[in-house]
Amino acid sequence: MADVVQYRLERMVDELDDLESRGIFTRREIAEIVKQRRKFEYRLKRPSPLKQDFIAYIDYETQLDALRRLRKKAATRELLRQGKKKTKTRKSVSDFAPVSRIMEIYRLAVMRYKGDVELWFRYLEFCRQRKNGRMKKVLAQVIRFHPKLPGVWIYAAAWEFDHNLNVAAARALMQSGLRMCPNSEDLWVEYLRMELTYLNKLKARKVAIGEDKGTLVRDKKDADEKQWKEENKDLFMSLDDEDKENNDHVSDEESEKKLDLFSEHASGLLKTIYGGAIQALPSSFSLRKQFLEILESIEVADSEELRIEILRDMKRDFSADPEYWDWLARLEMADASITGEKNEDAMHSRLQKAVQVYEEAIKAVPSATMFKLYINFLLDAIASERGEVEAFSLSDHASSYISEILKVYEKAETTGCLTEELACQCISFYTQLGRLEEAKKVAENLCSGKLSDSGRLWLLRVSVEIRCITKDSLSPSKADALSIFELFRTVLTKMSISEAESLWIMALKFFANQKKSFEKLIELSLKAVAKYGGSENGFSLSSAVVNFILQKDGLKHAREVYKRFLALPHPGLALYKNCIELESNLASLGNKDSLVNTRKLYEAALATYDQDTSLWKDYHSLETKLGTSETAAAIYWRARKSLKDSAVDFTSPDQL
């Protein structure tokens, strides 16, 4: 290894001597460069060099070369400042050696890590930036090692097309890539773009030499100007004679024929590539969209017929896909923005066409996804109509959009496509409109139907009921409070604690200041915990009730309630920990009764959860702080005895 490294360093002598003789680096700096290179060379000669070793060496050499070039420019400026005439100096070995060395390190790296695509592309980018002649060879290597990677073929073709100006080679690479990766959307799209770009360059060259005019790129401004001149040609006075007009007319006809040749060629290319693409990728919806976008951005012969053909093929192949219908409807609005239709009536007519597309879609694909896309489109239309701030103000066309949304919700319910998400969205929409009574009726109907087990829906229903009651006065009447309580009772007794978590929290907050209703709610919670059991972790109903009572009525009442919960068959570890925290906080302040209660709680918890390591640790910590050394040691040995088969091994009381 040492011999190889020494040999490689000796090959750098000429370069280093040249750097010193030209005054770019001092002898001390050159010694440091040799030291660093020796370190990197030894790393590369290890049995298994890391990728980071190669990258670090390349970065060091790149920065060193950048410094060399800066100092060379500074030396040149210094000579000019001294009055010496600037002469073109011949490049020496130190000008070529850095690039050659970096290229060699890259070569070693990619041979070591052939499968690292990122490293290959770094290598290619370096070759491209330095305009190195090894670029073609590196491209051939990366294609050989990664023939199934579309990005490699695209990069190689782009280099041939843009930098090497070899269209035939670029076309051959693209076609080879399509044979190797026929299922790549990017390859098909980039191949079409490349052919059209080449055709447009030919067209531009004809224009530059005066044999043609215009381009294949569709320019809306030029089209509008031409249309305006045609419509207002009577306003212009001709200053030329009739012969000049005839000559101009003939030349215009000739250029139109030439333009037709280019546009017909572009149309043929698009048809050919489009046909091959859909044959290779018949189920790719995004590919068809990209082809249509390209078609709309260029001027080709029979563009409207091509557009109709693509849309017809898309409808045939994707009529069962909700995404297709949503795209087709939104295309109507996109066409309006492209054609420049900005007045309100034109936009409204476009939107009506989009609504017709959605209506056809919900008949063809009656699904929850389709209804959701339809509703989102109408909501976007309202927002764009009135702005986000006034999105729900009933004026102009916005009111018709709102009524259309409500009809869509009704259709979704009648067709059986109303999911929990759509139902909640419907109720929220009514409340945003301020129609609380209608929202209340809709929520009541939905909660009594097939979505009666939805916690989110019940939560919305209860919140709407509360808003209806409190909209006139903040404090509800006894009758209203009783009706709300019965509503809570209905849902809380039929749903599990985990499903009705938000409902329990809402009920506790709503009845916090109503003593009788709150006591009834506590009885409901006791029955629920007795039925479903307490929580080991996460949301704990019993802990939530105890915390509410502690804040509202104080410690004494909270103790009475948590003792009632702990008397149930399965109160849950979360309740034990909550009560222990409550009592231990008071015990740390010197309350002896709380210390006794904390120990009782630990003993009761450990009777059921004796394999819980954190519980033993907390108990031992409590005795260490507030108890004696005897009690702490006793807890330690009890824990060791109980946790003998546990994965946690306690070797001393301190570690516990």
Foldseek 3Di string as FASTA:
>chain_A
DVVVLVVVLVVCVVLLVVCCVVPLDDPVVSVVVSVVSSVLVVLLPDPQRDLVSLVVVLVVLVVVVVSSVVSVVVVQVVCVVVVHDDDDDDDDPNNPVSLVVNLVSLVSSCVSVVPPVVSLVVSLVSCVVVVPPCNVVSLVSNCVSCVQDLVSLLVVLCCCVPPVVNNVVSLVSLVSSCVNHVPDLVSLLSSLVSVQVVLQVVQVVCVVVPNADDGFFDDPVVVVVVVVCVVPVVVDDDPDDPVVVVVVVVSVVNRVVVVQVSQAVSVVSLVVSVVSNCVSVVPDPVSLVSSLVVLVGTRHPPSVVVNVVSLVSCCVRCLQPLVNLLVVLVVLQVVCVVNVPDDDVVNVVSNVVSLVSLVVSCVSHVALVSLVSSLVVLLVVLCVVPNPVPSQPDDDCSVVSLVVNLVSLVVCVVVVRCDPVNLLVNLVSCVVNVNLVVSLVSLVVCCPDPCVQQLSSLVSNLVSLQCVQPVVHNDGDPVSVVVSLVSLVVNLVVYACVRNVVVLVVQCVVCLPPVVSLVVSLVSLLVRCLVRNAEQDDDGSLLVNLVSCCVRPNDVVSVVSLVSLLPHPHSYNVSLVSLLVVLLVVVVVPDVVSVVVNVVSLVSSCVPPVQDPVSLVVVLVSCVVRNDPVVSVVSVVSNCVSCVVPPDDDDDSVVD
